[in-house]
Every structure is written in C-alpha cells, then in structure tokens.
N, C-alpha and C. Protein backbone atom coordinates (compact mmCIF):
# COMPACT_ATOMS: atom_id res chain seq x y z
N MET A 1 121.95 62.68 133.99
CA MET A 1 123.38 62.35 134.82
C MET A 1 124.35 61.30 133.51
N SER A 2 125.65 62.06 134.08
CA SER A 2 126.98 61.34 133.11
C SER A 2 127.43 59.78 133.96
N SER A 3 127.31 58.57 132.86
CA SER A 3 128.06 57.72 133.73
C SER A 3 129.71 57.84 133.87
N ARG A 4 130.28 59.00 133.17
CA ARG A 4 131.89 59.18 133.31
C ARG A 4 131.76 59.36 134.65
N PRO A 5 133.25 59.26 135.48
CA PRO A 5 133.54 59.43 136.94
C PRO A 5 134.06 61.41 136.48
N LEU A 6 133.94 61.32 137.51
CA LEU A 6 134.19 63.12 138.29
C LEU A 6 135.62 62.87 137.69
N PRO A 7 136.85 64.03 137.22
CA PRO A 7 137.57 64.04 137.71
C PRO A 7 138.17 64.55 138.67
N SER A 8 139.41 64.04 139.46
CA SER A 8 139.93 64.46 141.04
C SER A 8 140.42 65.69 140.61
N SER A 9 140.75 66.63 141.60
CA SER A 9 141.14 67.70 141.75
C SER A 9 142.88 67.88 141.67
N SER A 10 143.50 66.66 141.31
CA SER A 10 144.79 66.21 141.74
C SER A 10 144.77 66.27 140.15
N SER A 11 144.28 65.83 139.28
CA SER A 11 144.33 65.19 137.32
C SER A 11 145.15 66.76 137.35
N GLY A 12 144.92 67.57 137.75
CA GLY A 12 145.37 68.87 137.05
C GLY A 12 144.25 69.42 135.92
N ALA A 13 144.83 70.50 135.48
CA ALA A 13 144.12 71.22 134.29
C ALA A 13 144.11 71.25 133.08
N ALA A 14 145.33 69.75 132.42
CA ALA A 14 144.94 69.41 131.16
C ALA A 14 143.21 69.02 130.71
N PRO A 15 142.68 67.64 131.91
CA PRO A 15 141.50 67.38 131.31
C PRO A 15 140.15 68.92 131.19
N ASP A 16 140.68 69.16 132.24
CA ASP A 16 139.41 70.77 132.39
C ASP A 16 139.94 71.03 130.86
N ALA A 17 141.30 71.62 130.04
CA ALA A 17 141.33 72.23 128.86
C ALA A 17 140.83 71.67 127.89
N LEU A 18 140.64 70.18 127.82
CA LEU A 18 140.30 69.39 126.77
C LEU A 18 138.99 69.40 127.13
N GLU A 19 138.36 69.32 128.53
CA GLU A 19 136.68 69.14 128.22
C GLU A 19 136.27 70.55 127.23
N GLU A 20 137.24 71.69 127.65
CA GLU A 20 136.21 73.30 126.99
C GLU A 20 136.52 73.10 125.67
N VAL A 21 137.83 72.53 125.42
CA VAL A 21 137.82 72.67 123.51
C VAL A 21 137.24 71.69 123.72
N GLN A 22 136.84 70.60 123.95
CA GLN A 22 135.37 69.90 123.32
C GLN A 22 133.61 70.16 123.51
N PHE A 23 133.90 70.87 124.34
CA PHE A 23 132.51 71.75 124.99
C PHE A 23 132.52 73.11 124.12
N ARG A 24 133.38 73.75 123.66
CA ARG A 24 133.21 75.03 122.87
C ARG A 24 133.07 74.24 121.34
N ALA A 25 133.58 73.12 121.08
CA ALA A 25 133.71 72.10 119.20
C ALA A 25 131.63 72.03 119.29
N ARG A 26 131.76 71.12 120.44
CA ARG A 26 130.16 70.54 120.29
C ARG A 26 129.11 72.40 120.06
N MET A 27 128.97 72.81 120.51
CA MET A 27 128.62 74.30 121.46
C MET A 27 128.48 75.22 119.61
N ALA A 28 130.11 75.02 119.14
CA ALA A 28 130.02 76.01 117.93
C ALA A 28 129.19 74.86 116.76
N ARG A 29 129.08 73.50 116.63
CA ARG A 29 128.28 72.79 115.68
C ARG A 29 126.97 72.95 115.83
N LEU A 30 126.62 72.68 117.18
CA LEU A 30 124.89 73.65 117.79
C LEU A 30 124.47 74.87 117.15
N GLY A 31 125.67 75.98 116.92
CA GLY A 31 125.14 77.04 116.86
C GLY A 31 124.57 77.60 117.89
N THR A 32 124.62 77.35 119.19
CA THR A 32 124.30 78.21 119.82
C THR A 32 125.75 78.68 120.85
N GLU A 33 126.53 78.72 120.62
CA GLU A 33 128.27 79.38 120.99
C GLU A 33 127.38 81.31 121.01
N PRO A 34 127.50 81.69 122.40
CA PRO A 34 127.51 83.04 122.74
C PRO A 34 128.22 84.00 121.62
N GLU A 35 129.38 84.11 121.06
CA GLU A 35 130.02 84.95 120.51
C GLU A 35 129.41 84.53 118.99
N ASN A 36 129.01 83.36 118.78
CA ASN A 36 128.05 83.26 117.39
C ASN A 36 126.44 83.74 117.43
N ARG A 37 126.18 83.80 118.66
CA ARG A 37 124.76 84.13 118.49
C ARG A 37 124.91 86.54 118.12
N ARG A 38 126.04 86.86 119.22
CA ARG A 38 125.63 88.38 119.22
C ARG A 38 126.02 88.79 118.04
N GLY A 39 127.26 88.22 117.04
CA GLY A 39 127.41 88.98 115.69
C GLY A 39 126.64 89.26 114.40
N ARG A 40 125.86 87.59 114.46
CA ARG A 40 124.76 87.27 112.87
C ARG A 40 123.54 87.14 113.58
N ARG A 41 122.71 87.28 112.17
CA ARG A 41 120.98 87.18 112.41
C ARG A 41 121.22 86.49 111.48
N ARG A 42 120.62 84.78 111.79
CA ARG A 42 120.33 84.13 110.78
C ARG A 42 118.96 84.82 109.94
N PRO A 43 118.39 84.64 108.62
CA PRO A 43 117.41 85.05 107.96
C PRO A 43 116.32 84.37 108.19
N PRO A 44 115.32 84.19 107.70
CA PRO A 44 113.55 84.19 108.41
C PRO A 44 113.43 82.45 107.68
N ARG A 45 114.29 82.13 106.56
CA ARG A 45 114.29 80.61 105.99
C ARG A 45 115.83 80.15 105.98
N ALA A 46 116.62 80.37 107.05
CA ALA A 46 117.39 79.35 107.29
C ALA A 46 116.99 79.26 109.04
N LEU A 47 115.67 79.16 109.96
CA LEU A 47 115.12 79.18 110.65
C LEU A 47 115.29 77.28 110.96
N GLY A 48 114.76 76.63 110.03
CA GLY A 48 114.64 75.51 109.92
C GLY A 48 112.67 75.58 109.90
N ARG A 49 112.08 76.37 109.99
CA ARG A 49 110.73 76.42 110.30
C ARG A 49 110.16 76.97 108.73
N GLY A 50 109.36 76.44 107.73
CA GLY A 50 109.15 76.98 106.65
C GLY A 50 107.87 76.91 107.23
N GLY A 51 107.44 77.91 105.72
CA GLY A 51 105.91 78.00 106.16
C GLY A 51 105.72 79.80 106.09
N PHE A 52 104.49 80.57 106.52
CA PHE A 52 104.01 81.52 106.14
C PHE A 52 104.77 82.40 107.63
N ARG A 53 105.21 83.29 107.21
CA ARG A 53 105.12 84.39 108.12
C ARG A 53 105.17 85.54 107.81
N LEU A 54 104.65 86.70 108.89
CA LEU A 54 103.72 88.11 108.41
C LEU A 54 104.61 88.78 110.10
N GLY A 55 104.78 89.94 109.23
CA GLY A 55 105.01 90.90 110.80
C GLY A 55 103.69 91.53 111.50
N TRP A 56 103.68 92.39 112.07
CA TRP A 56 102.79 92.56 113.30
C TRP A 56 101.26 93.61 112.08
N LYS A 57 102.15 93.91 111.13
CA LYS A 57 101.28 95.12 110.66
C LYS A 57 100.53 93.89 109.72
N GLY A 58 101.37 92.88 109.20
CA GLY A 58 100.18 91.88 108.61
C GLY A 58 99.11 91.26 109.39
N TRP A 59 99.63 90.75 110.35
CA TRP A 59 98.34 90.24 111.34
C TRP A 59 97.68 90.83 111.43
N LEU A 60 98.00 92.06 111.38
CA LEU A 60 96.57 93.37 112.28
C LEU A 60 95.49 93.29 111.13
N VAL A 61 96.06 93.33 109.09
CA VAL A 61 95.27 93.25 108.71
C VAL A 61 94.82 92.19 108.42
N VAL A 62 94.95 90.60 108.49
CA VAL A 62 94.34 89.78 108.61
C VAL A 62 93.92 89.32 109.73
N ASP A 63 93.55 89.69 110.66
CA ASP A 63 93.00 90.15 112.22
C ASP A 63 91.68 91.13 111.88
N SER A 64 91.61 91.91 111.06
CA SER A 64 90.66 92.62 110.81
C SER A 64 90.47 92.25 110.07
N LEU A 65 90.58 91.15 108.63
CA LEU A 65 89.91 90.98 107.44
C LEU A 65 89.04 89.92 108.26
N ILE A 66 88.92 89.07 109.40
CA ILE A 66 88.53 87.54 109.75
C ILE A 66 86.81 88.79 110.69
N VAL A 67 87.64 89.56 111.50
CA VAL A 67 86.27 90.77 112.13
C VAL A 67 85.46 91.33 110.87
N LEU A 68 85.77 91.76 109.91
CA LEU A 68 84.77 92.19 108.98
C LEU A 68 83.57 91.15 108.13
N LEU A 69 84.74 90.08 107.90
CA LEU A 69 84.08 88.94 107.61
C LEU A 69 83.04 88.47 108.63
N VAL A 70 83.29 88.25 109.92
CA VAL A 70 82.17 87.65 110.90
C VAL A 70 81.12 88.79 111.13
N VAL A 71 81.53 89.80 110.86
CA VAL A 71 80.64 91.35 111.21
C VAL A 71 79.21 91.57 109.73
N ALA A 72 80.42 91.18 109.08
CA ALA A 72 78.81 90.78 107.45
C ALA A 72 78.35 89.37 107.68
N GLY A 73 78.77 88.24 107.88
CA GLY A 73 77.99 87.26 107.85
C GLY A 73 76.73 87.41 108.92
N VAL A 74 77.08 87.81 110.36
CA VAL A 74 76.36 88.24 110.74
C VAL A 74 75.29 89.25 110.27
N VAL A 75 75.25 90.09 110.04
CA VAL A 75 74.63 91.25 109.16
C VAL A 75 74.30 90.30 108.22
N ALA A 76 74.48 90.10 107.72
CA ALA A 76 73.71 89.15 106.37
C ALA A 76 72.84 87.76 106.32
N TRP A 77 73.94 87.33 107.00
CA TRP A 77 72.70 85.69 107.27
C TRP A 77 71.53 85.76 107.79
N PRO A 78 70.64 86.49 108.65
CA PRO A 78 69.38 86.31 109.10
C PRO A 78 68.79 86.87 107.57
N PRO A 79 68.57 87.73 106.91
CA PRO A 79 68.04 88.69 105.62
C PRO A 79 68.01 87.49 105.08
N ILE A 80 69.26 86.41 104.83
CA ILE A 80 69.37 85.99 103.70
C ILE A 80 68.08 84.50 103.77
N GLN A 81 68.45 84.13 104.93
CA GLN A 81 67.22 82.62 105.08
C GLN A 81 66.17 83.16 105.07
N ALA A 82 65.97 84.07 105.99
CA ALA A 82 64.60 84.83 106.51
C ALA A 82 63.58 84.64 104.29
N CYS A 83 64.25 86.06 103.31
CA CYS A 83 63.83 86.00 102.15
C CYS A 83 63.90 84.41 101.43
N ARG A 84 64.87 83.83 101.82
CA ARG A 84 64.67 82.51 100.85
C ARG A 84 63.92 81.62 101.89
N HIS A 85 63.20 81.56 102.16
CA HIS A 85 61.98 81.44 103.88
C HIS A 85 60.34 81.20 102.92
N GLN A 86 61.18 82.77 102.73
CA GLN A 86 59.64 83.57 102.13
C GLN A 86 59.39 82.98 100.67
N ASP A 87 60.67 83.10 100.07
CA ASP A 87 60.42 82.82 98.42
C ASP A 87 59.59 81.41 98.36
N LYS A 88 59.76 80.36 99.32
CA LYS A 88 60.25 79.12 98.89
C LYS A 88 58.04 78.97 99.77
N THR A 89 58.22 79.65 100.92
CA THR A 89 56.62 79.48 101.78
C THR A 89 55.38 79.90 100.16
N THR A 90 56.28 81.89 100.57
CA THR A 90 54.52 82.17 100.40
C THR A 90 54.81 82.99 98.64
N GLY A 91 56.43 82.96 98.86
CA GLY A 91 56.85 83.88 97.05
C GLY A 91 56.40 85.31 97.49
N PHE A 92 57.18 86.51 96.59
CA PHE A 92 56.62 88.46 96.56
C PHE A 92 56.07 88.26 95.27
N TYR A 93 56.12 89.47 96.00
CA TYR A 93 54.90 90.45 95.28
C TYR A 93 55.40 90.27 93.67
N ALA A 94 54.40 90.74 92.85
CA ALA A 94 55.35 91.89 91.47
C ALA A 94 56.03 92.52 91.37
N GLY A 95 56.70 92.39 90.93
CA GLY A 95 58.46 93.48 90.81
C GLY A 95 59.35 93.22 92.01
N ASP A 96 59.41 92.19 92.89
CA ASP A 96 59.81 92.30 94.28
C ASP A 96 60.38 90.73 93.80
N SER A 97 61.50 90.41 93.95
CA SER A 97 62.56 89.21 94.11
C SER A 97 63.64 89.46 95.47
N VAL A 98 64.17 87.68 95.24
CA VAL A 98 64.96 87.70 96.55
C VAL A 98 66.42 88.62 96.48
N ASP A 99 66.79 88.64 95.21
CA ASP A 99 67.74 90.48 95.72
C ASP A 99 67.27 91.21 96.24
N ARG A 100 66.31 91.51 96.17
CA ARG A 100 65.44 92.91 96.73
C ARG A 100 65.48 92.95 97.89
N CYS A 101 64.23 91.62 98.16
CA CYS A 101 64.86 91.09 100.20
C CYS A 101 65.65 91.33 100.30
N ILE A 102 66.82 90.64 100.19
CA ILE A 102 68.08 90.73 100.90
C ILE A 102 68.42 92.26 101.14
N ARG A 103 68.51 92.72 100.19
CA ARG A 103 69.34 94.52 100.66
C ARG A 103 68.33 94.87 101.24
N ARG A 104 67.11 95.02 101.33
CA ARG A 104 65.79 95.70 101.99
C ARG A 104 66.23 95.10 103.40
N GLY A 105 66.45 93.68 103.34
CA GLY A 105 67.03 93.09 105.07
C GLY A 105 67.94 93.81 105.73
N ILE A 106 69.11 93.53 104.77
CA ILE A 106 70.28 93.91 105.31
C ILE A 106 70.41 95.63 105.35
N ALA A 107 69.55 96.39 104.68
CA ALA A 107 69.57 97.71 104.90
C ALA A 107 68.57 98.13 106.21
N GLU A 108 68.21 97.33 106.58
CA GLU A 108 67.06 97.47 108.02
C GLU A 108 68.19 96.93 109.15
N ARG A 109 68.67 95.89 109.08
CA ARG A 109 69.78 95.55 109.90
C ARG A 109 70.39 96.96 109.95
N ILE A 110 70.95 97.69 109.23
CA ILE A 110 72.23 98.63 109.38
C ILE A 110 71.62 99.97 109.74
N ASP A 111 70.49 99.98 110.01
CA ASP A 111 69.80 100.84 110.08
C ASP A 111 69.38 100.40 111.98
N ARG A 112 69.20 99.65 111.31
CA ARG A 112 68.10 99.15 113.59
C ARG A 112 70.30 99.36 114.36
N ALA A 113 71.35 99.17 113.53
CA ALA A 113 72.03 99.02 114.76
C ALA A 113 72.63 100.76 114.71
N ASP A 114 72.63 101.18 113.58
CA ASP A 114 73.29 102.29 113.38
C ASP A 114 71.92 103.43 114.57
N GLN A 115 71.20 102.77 114.84
CA GLN A 115 70.12 103.93 115.68
C GLN A 115 69.97 103.55 117.25
N ARG A 116 70.49 102.30 117.23
CA ARG A 116 70.77 101.59 118.35
C ARG A 116 72.13 101.60 119.46
N LEU A 117 73.00 102.14 117.98
CA LEU A 117 74.66 102.82 118.45
C LEU A 117 74.43 104.53 118.47
N LYS A 118 73.09 105.01 118.19
CA LYS A 118 72.99 106.64 118.71
C LYS A 118 72.38 106.82 119.87
N ALA A 119 71.66 105.61 119.84
CA ALA A 119 70.80 105.83 121.26
C ALA A 119 71.71 105.53 122.36
N LEU A 120 72.99 104.49 122.43
CA LEU A 120 73.61 104.69 123.56
C LEU A 120 75.03 105.70 123.76
N ALA A 121 75.32 106.18 122.59
CA ALA A 121 76.20 107.76 122.24
C ALA A 121 74.76 108.92 123.13
N ARG A 122 73.36 109.37 123.01
CA ARG A 122 72.73 109.74 123.36
C ARG A 122 72.94 109.51 124.84
N ASN A 123 72.59 108.25 125.48
CA ASN A 123 72.31 107.82 127.01
C ASN A 123 73.81 108.15 127.39
N SER A 124 75.08 108.24 127.00
CA SER A 124 76.06 107.84 127.50
C SER A 124 76.61 108.77 128.46
N GLY A 125 76.45 110.54 128.83
CA GLY A 125 76.54 111.35 129.43
C GLY A 125 76.04 110.88 130.82
N ARG A 126 74.65 110.10 130.99
CA ARG A 126 73.79 110.47 131.72
C ARG A 126 74.84 109.39 133.61
C-alpha cells in the first residue's frame, strides 16, 4: 500500500498523464514494457543467469548416460564384489584371475537378464 493520497477526480487529467509517463519510464528501465518484450529477444547470456544451459536434446543425452551408468553399475557391482571376496578368502584355480572372474560374472548376469526378458516375452501373449 502506498502512503500517497489518492488523487481526487476533480484534479484533472494532468496528474494522470504525468503518472502514466513515470510508470512507462520505470517499466522501460526494468525491461518489462510490453512493446520491448514483443520486438526483441535477449540472448541466453544476457538473462543474468550464468551457467550450463542445454536444450532438450542435450538433456536427453545426459539422462541416457546417467541411466546407462546406473544399469552398468547394477550389472557389474555384485560380480566385482564376489570375485574380490573370493580372491581374499579362498583364491582362484591355476590360470584364473580376478579379471576373468569378473568378466565371467558379468556375462552370467547379462545372460540371466536376457533369459528372463525372453521368458517374459514368451508369456506376454497369454
């Protein structure tokens, strides 16, 4: 609320015109004048917000990479931990190593997931 008194209707149109001019000048300084908004677009850097800006295609790539990393972690983490535990506790047979154990474990998890997806696809028609 403003502390200024409201102008009476008998004061005429001159104060209203002055206030209108002052209002338009303030809006022009702030950049919210409707005429200014229609005609020109600001470049992204002039928005006052610095930082990293991507379009929807860029964010689609970022989201896809995040999902891919999470799936790779879910597939790879259990065999890695199991093989490290086996190496510390019992060891491996001659010719076997931690790397081969990890590769074998990841291949088994991928094969098991593939078999489950095939089974779901076969039973989907029922």
